[in-house]
Amino acid sequence: MKTSKKDDPQTPTPEDISPEIPQKGVPPSIKPISDEKSTLSGINLDEFKARALDPRKLTKKRILTVPVGKPHPLKQNFFRTHPDLEFPAYILFWDEDGTSYLIHPDVVDLVPNQVKFKMLYPGIYTSGTVFLTAVVQPDSEGKWNNWHESLSLAVNVSRKKWVRLEADMTAQSYNVIEAEADFGEPDWPELTMQQYLDKAFKTTQIKDENHPKIKELYGKE
């Protein structure tokens, strides 16, 4: 006796099949995402989500050289001077290439007219660049020209405030312009005065009369 498909209990009939009712806005073939925390291969996505990075924690600036001179009197160059560090030195400034040489005291008598007694102060711009300000000190008679004296005053002010220099050609001196913006405290590098000098005068130290610059001043080969 033959059994029809309708009578076969293992064969579903069209009446037995319930149509899939899609959720609103979701195609029938796609299952909705559960309300549980989304993960990818077992990774917690919230835990690994990118956040804003602090560049100060990513890199550490390594200072290789330190320029010597005075702060550039430009509008954007606000600077501070280290509140504690300073060093008295004899400096020979070579006009041809603008290089400052650190002179040993025993050599000063060989070139007294070319050497200046200066005070060296570590400084820093708002950009984080460091330098040494070299301020000519009064001569043996206590004389000081306006440029040198006003630069010394600017250094004293900049120990506590962000300032920039403005050259006053009429008065033959510098004006000190204090910043109105709050730049915060300077991020000083961890350098001693010894290290500042090592980096500033790495190849420009004159210790005796055999140095090429001393020979050149005396017309020697």
Foldseek 3Di string as FASTA:
>chain_A
DDDDLVRDPVRDDPVRDDDQDDDPPDDSVDDDDDPDQDDDPPHRCVVPPDDDDDVCVVDDDDDQAAAEEAFDQDPQWWKAWALDDKDKFKWFADVVVRAIFTEDPVCCVLPVPRIFTWMWIWMATLVGHIHIHTAGAADPVRDDDQARVQRVVLNVVRNPFTWHWDQDPVRRYTDIGTDPDPSDDHPDDPDDPVRNCCRHNVPRYDYDCPDPVNCVVVVHD
